[in-house]
Amino acid sequence: MMSFMAMLGLNRATITTTANTKIGLDTTSAAHYFNGLIDEVRIWDKALQPEDILNPDISVEKSSPESAHVDDIITYTYTVTNTGDVPLSAVTVSDDLAVDAV
């Protein structure tokens, strides 16, 4: 089956329309189409393979000593791990509960 873009002879295109677009339209009956909410739409000119789909994710763990005494200085350790499948950059960790952090 040839994709719509291939039929137009395009590798990449921006299509602008003022007409209403119905995603999931049943061409046999105009009354049957998806009637939910769509958060994000990406249109591809090929079937995506699992390795084509990016899954960024990050894990943050905060640890501290099991006990402390009054007036002790407590050192917290933050372990940040990239648990996704893409490189991350410019990651910043902040703790809104930390007071006068050094």
N, C-alpha and C. Protein backbone atom coordinates (compact mmCIF):
# COMPACT_ATOMS: atom_id res chain seq x y z
N MET A 1 0.84 -1.17 0.00
CA MET A 1 0.00 0.00 0.00
C MET A 1 0.89 1.24 0.00
N MET A 2 0.63 2.17 -0.88
CA MET A 2 1.43 3.39 -0.99
C MET A 2 0.86 4.45 -0.05
N SER A 3 1.76 5.15 0.66
CA SER A 3 1.31 6.19 1.57
C SER A 3 0.82 7.41 0.79
N PHE A 4 0.03 8.22 1.46
CA PHE A 4 -0.50 9.45 0.87
C PHE A 4 0.63 10.35 0.38
N MET A 5 1.68 10.50 1.20
CA MET A 5 2.80 11.36 0.83
C MET A 5 3.52 10.81 -0.38
N ALA A 6 3.70 9.47 -0.43
CA ALA A 6 4.36 8.88 -1.58
C ALA A 6 3.53 9.09 -2.84
N MET A 7 2.21 9.02 -2.71
CA MET A 7 1.35 9.25 -3.87
C MET A 7 1.52 10.67 -4.40
N LEU A 8 1.79 11.61 -3.50
CA LEU A 8 2.01 12.99 -3.92
C LEU A 8 3.45 13.24 -4.36
N GLY A 9 4.30 12.22 -4.21
CA GLY A 9 5.70 12.38 -4.57
C GLY A 9 6.48 13.18 -3.55
N LEU A 10 6.06 13.15 -2.29
CA LEU A 10 6.69 13.96 -1.24
C LEU A 10 7.40 13.06 -0.23
N ASN A 11 8.51 13.54 0.28
CA ASN A 11 9.16 12.88 1.41
C ASN A 11 8.72 13.52 2.72
N ARG A 12 8.48 14.82 2.67
CA ARG A 12 8.08 15.56 3.86
C ARG A 12 7.23 16.73 3.40
N ALA A 13 6.16 17.01 4.11
CA ALA A 13 5.30 18.10 3.69
C ALA A 13 4.57 18.68 4.88
N THR A 14 4.19 19.92 4.76
CA THR A 14 3.30 20.55 5.72
C THR A 14 2.00 20.80 4.98
N ILE A 15 0.94 20.27 5.50
CA ILE A 15 -0.36 20.42 4.86
C ILE A 15 -1.20 21.35 5.72
N THR A 16 -1.65 22.43 5.15
CA THR A 16 -2.48 23.40 5.86
C THR A 16 -3.87 23.37 5.26
N THR A 17 -4.86 23.33 6.11
CA THR A 17 -6.24 23.31 5.64
C THR A 17 -7.12 24.09 6.59
N THR A 18 -8.19 24.63 6.10
CA THR A 18 -9.17 25.29 6.96
C THR A 18 -10.36 24.37 7.18
N ALA A 19 -10.36 23.22 6.53
CA ALA A 19 -11.46 22.26 6.69
C ALA A 19 -11.28 21.50 8.00
N ASN A 20 -12.38 21.03 8.55
CA ASN A 20 -12.31 20.19 9.74
C ASN A 20 -11.66 18.87 9.38
N THR A 21 -10.77 18.40 10.23
CA THR A 21 -10.11 17.13 10.02
C THR A 21 -10.69 16.13 10.99
N LYS A 22 -11.07 14.99 10.50
CA LYS A 22 -11.64 13.95 11.35
C LYS A 22 -10.68 12.78 11.38
N ILE A 23 -10.07 12.57 12.52
CA ILE A 23 -9.13 11.46 12.68
C ILE A 23 -9.93 10.21 12.98
N GLY A 24 -9.62 9.15 12.28
CA GLY A 24 -10.33 7.89 12.48
C GLY A 24 -11.67 7.86 11.78
N LEU A 25 -11.83 8.65 10.75
CA LEU A 25 -13.10 8.71 10.01
C LEU A 25 -13.38 7.39 9.33
N ASP A 26 -14.60 6.93 9.50
CA ASP A 26 -15.07 5.74 8.79
C ASP A 26 -15.65 6.22 7.46
N THR A 27 -14.98 5.93 6.37
CA THR A 27 -15.41 6.45 5.08
C THR A 27 -16.71 5.83 4.60
N THR A 28 -17.14 4.75 5.24
CA THR A 28 -18.42 4.15 4.83
C THR A 28 -19.60 4.83 5.50
N SER A 29 -19.35 5.59 6.56
CA SER A 29 -20.42 6.30 7.24
C SER A 29 -19.83 7.52 7.93
N ALA A 30 -20.22 8.69 7.50
CA ALA A 30 -19.68 9.93 8.06
C ALA A 30 -20.03 10.10 9.54
N ALA A 31 -21.00 9.34 10.02
CA ALA A 31 -21.40 9.46 11.42
C ALA A 31 -20.49 8.69 12.37
N HIS A 32 -19.60 7.85 11.84
CA HIS A 32 -18.74 7.04 12.67
C HIS A 32 -17.30 7.52 12.60
N TYR A 33 -16.88 8.24 13.62
CA TYR A 33 -15.48 8.65 13.71
C TYR A 33 -15.13 8.82 15.18
N PHE A 34 -13.86 8.85 15.46
CA PHE A 34 -13.37 9.01 16.83
C PHE A 34 -13.90 10.30 17.41
N ASN A 35 -14.48 10.25 18.58
CA ASN A 35 -15.09 11.43 19.19
C ASN A 35 -14.52 11.67 20.59
N GLY A 36 -13.24 11.39 20.79
CA GLY A 36 -12.61 11.58 22.09
C GLY A 36 -11.67 12.76 22.07
N LEU A 37 -10.77 12.81 23.03
CA LEU A 37 -9.77 13.87 23.10
C LEU A 37 -8.44 13.35 22.61
N ILE A 38 -7.74 14.15 21.85
CA ILE A 38 -6.43 13.78 21.35
C ILE A 38 -5.42 14.79 21.88
N ASP A 39 -4.38 14.29 22.53
CA ASP A 39 -3.39 15.15 23.15
C ASP A 39 -2.29 15.55 22.18
N GLU A 40 -1.86 14.63 21.34
CA GLU A 40 -0.76 14.90 20.43
C GLU A 40 -0.92 14.02 19.21
N VAL A 41 -0.67 14.57 18.05
CA VAL A 41 -0.79 13.80 16.82
C VAL A 41 0.51 13.92 16.04
N ARG A 42 1.02 12.82 15.63
CA ARG A 42 2.18 12.77 14.74
C ARG A 42 1.80 11.88 13.57
N ILE A 43 2.05 12.35 12.39
CA ILE A 43 1.73 11.57 11.20
C ILE A 43 3.04 11.13 10.56
N TRP A 44 3.19 9.85 10.35
CA TRP A 44 4.41 9.28 9.81
C TRP A 44 4.14 8.75 8.42
N ASP A 45 5.17 8.73 7.61
CA ASP A 45 5.03 8.17 6.28
C ASP A 45 5.56 6.74 6.22
N LYS A 46 5.68 6.11 7.39
CA LYS A 46 6.12 4.72 7.46
C LYS A 46 5.59 4.11 8.75
N ALA A 47 5.58 2.81 8.78
CA ALA A 47 5.20 2.12 10.01
C ALA A 47 6.37 2.21 10.98
N LEU A 48 6.12 2.67 12.19
CA LEU A 48 7.20 2.80 13.16
C LEU A 48 7.56 1.46 13.77
N GLN A 49 8.84 1.27 13.93
CA GLN A 49 9.36 0.10 14.63
C GLN A 49 9.58 0.50 16.08
N PRO A 50 9.62 -0.44 17.00
CA PRO A 50 9.83 -0.09 18.41
C PRO A 50 11.07 0.79 18.62
N GLU A 51 12.15 0.56 17.87
CA GLU A 51 13.35 1.36 18.05
C GLU A 51 13.21 2.78 17.52
N ASP A 52 12.15 3.07 16.74
CA ASP A 52 11.91 4.42 16.23
C ASP A 52 11.19 5.30 17.24
N ILE A 53 10.61 4.70 18.25
CA ILE A 53 9.80 5.44 19.21
C ILE A 53 10.68 5.79 20.41
N LEU A 54 10.82 7.08 20.69
CA LEU A 54 11.66 7.54 21.79
C LEU A 54 10.89 7.49 23.10
N ASN A 55 11.56 7.06 24.14
CA ASN A 55 10.96 6.97 25.47
C ASN A 55 11.87 7.63 26.50
N PRO A 56 11.89 8.96 26.56
CA PRO A 56 12.70 9.60 27.58
C PRO A 56 12.11 9.35 28.96
N ASP A 57 12.98 9.13 29.93
CA ASP A 57 12.51 8.92 31.30
C ASP A 57 13.68 9.18 32.24
N ILE A 58 13.35 9.56 33.45
CA ILE A 58 14.39 9.86 34.43
C ILE A 58 13.90 9.38 35.80
N SER A 59 14.83 8.90 36.60
CA SER A 59 14.52 8.44 37.95
C SER A 59 15.37 9.25 38.92
N VAL A 60 14.76 9.74 40.01
CA VAL A 60 15.49 10.48 41.03
C VAL A 60 15.23 9.81 42.38
N GLU A 61 16.31 9.44 43.06
CA GLU A 61 16.19 8.87 44.39
C GLU A 61 16.93 9.76 45.37
N LYS A 62 16.31 10.00 46.52
CA LYS A 62 16.91 10.83 47.57
C LYS A 62 17.14 9.93 48.78
N SER A 63 18.36 9.95 49.31
CA SER A 63 18.64 9.14 50.49
C SER A 63 19.34 9.98 51.54
N SER A 64 19.24 9.53 52.78
CA SER A 64 19.84 10.24 53.92
C SER A 64 20.21 9.21 54.97
N PRO A 65 20.95 9.64 55.98
CA PRO A 65 21.25 8.71 57.08
C PRO A 65 19.95 8.22 57.73
N GLU A 66 20.00 7.03 58.30
CA GLU A 66 18.79 6.48 58.93
C GLU A 66 18.40 7.23 60.19
N SER A 67 19.39 7.85 60.84
CA SER A 67 19.07 8.61 62.06
C SER A 67 19.98 9.83 62.16
N ALA A 68 19.56 10.78 62.98
CA ALA A 68 20.36 11.99 63.21
C ALA A 68 19.98 12.55 64.57
N HIS A 69 20.88 13.37 65.10
CA HIS A 69 20.64 14.01 66.39
C HIS A 69 20.36 15.49 66.15
N VAL A 70 19.79 16.13 67.14
CA VAL A 70 19.53 17.56 67.06
C VAL A 70 20.84 18.28 66.75
N ASP A 71 20.81 19.24 65.87
CA ASP A 71 21.94 20.06 65.44
C ASP A 71 22.94 19.31 64.55
N ASP A 72 22.67 18.05 64.19
CA ASP A 72 23.54 17.35 63.24
C ASP A 72 23.37 17.96 61.85
N ILE A 73 24.43 17.96 61.11
CA ILE A 73 24.34 18.33 59.70
C ILE A 73 24.03 17.06 58.93
N ILE A 74 22.94 17.09 58.19
CA ILE A 74 22.50 15.90 57.46
C ILE A 74 22.87 16.06 55.99
N THR A 75 23.50 15.05 55.45
CA THR A 75 23.87 15.05 54.04
C THR A 75 22.90 14.16 53.28
N TYR A 76 22.23 14.74 52.32
CA TYR A 76 21.33 13.99 51.46
C TYR A 76 22.07 13.63 50.18
N THR A 77 21.79 12.48 49.66
CA THR A 77 22.37 12.05 48.39
C THR A 77 21.26 11.88 47.38
N TYR A 78 21.44 12.50 46.23
CA TYR A 78 20.48 12.39 45.14
C TYR A 78 21.12 11.54 44.05
N THR A 79 20.43 10.49 43.65
CA THR A 79 20.91 9.65 42.56
C THR A 79 19.95 9.84 41.39
N VAL A 80 20.48 10.38 40.31
CA VAL A 80 19.68 10.66 39.12
C VAL A 80 20.11 9.66 38.04
N THR A 81 19.14 8.92 37.52
CA THR A 81 19.43 7.88 36.54
C THR A 81 18.57 8.09 35.30
N ASN A 82 19.21 8.03 34.16
CA ASN A 82 18.48 8.08 32.90
C ASN A 82 17.93 6.68 32.64
N THR A 83 16.65 6.48 32.88
CA THR A 83 16.02 5.17 32.69
C THR A 83 15.34 5.07 31.33
N GLY A 84 15.47 6.11 30.53
CA GLY A 84 14.89 6.10 29.19
C GLY A 84 15.86 5.55 28.17
N ASP A 85 15.49 5.72 26.91
CA ASP A 85 16.33 5.18 25.85
C ASP A 85 16.91 6.26 24.94
N VAL A 86 16.95 7.49 25.46
CA VAL A 86 17.57 8.59 24.72
C VAL A 86 18.48 9.37 25.66
N PRO A 87 19.56 9.97 25.14
CA PRO A 87 20.43 10.78 26.00
C PRO A 87 19.69 12.00 26.52
N LEU A 88 19.97 12.37 27.75
CA LEU A 88 19.39 13.57 28.36
C LEU A 88 20.52 14.56 28.60
N SER A 89 20.21 15.84 28.53
CA SER A 89 21.22 16.86 28.81
C SER A 89 20.57 17.99 29.59
N ALA A 90 21.41 18.78 30.24
CA ALA A 90 20.96 19.95 31.01
C ALA A 90 19.91 19.56 32.06
N VAL A 91 20.14 18.45 32.73
CA VAL A 91 19.22 18.01 33.79
C VAL A 91 19.59 18.73 35.07
N THR A 92 18.62 19.32 35.72
CA THR A 92 18.83 20.03 36.98
C THR A 92 17.94 19.41 38.04
N VAL A 93 18.51 19.21 39.22
CA VAL A 93 17.75 18.67 40.34
C VAL A 93 17.66 19.73 41.41
N SER A 94 16.46 19.97 41.90
CA SER A 94 16.27 20.90 43.02
C SER A 94 15.31 20.28 44.00
N ASP A 95 15.45 20.65 45.26
CA ASP A 95 14.61 20.12 46.32
C ASP A 95 13.93 21.28 47.00
N ASP A 96 12.62 21.42 46.82
CA ASP A 96 11.91 22.56 47.39
C ASP A 96 11.76 22.45 48.91
N LEU A 97 12.14 21.30 49.48
CA LEU A 97 12.08 21.16 50.94
C LEU A 97 13.43 21.45 51.60
N ALA A 98 14.49 21.54 50.82
CA ALA A 98 15.82 21.82 51.36
C ALA A 98 15.91 23.28 51.74
N VAL A 99 16.45 23.54 52.94
CA VAL A 99 16.62 24.90 53.42
C VAL A 99 18.11 25.18 53.51
N ASP A 100 18.53 26.32 52.97
CA ASP A 100 19.93 26.71 53.02
C ASP A 100 20.87 25.61 52.52
N ALA A 101 20.50 24.97 51.43
CA ALA A 101 21.33 23.92 50.86
C ALA A 101 22.64 24.48 50.35
N VAL A 102 23.69 23.71 50.50
CA VAL A 102 25.02 24.12 50.03
C VAL A 102 25.37 23.32 48.81
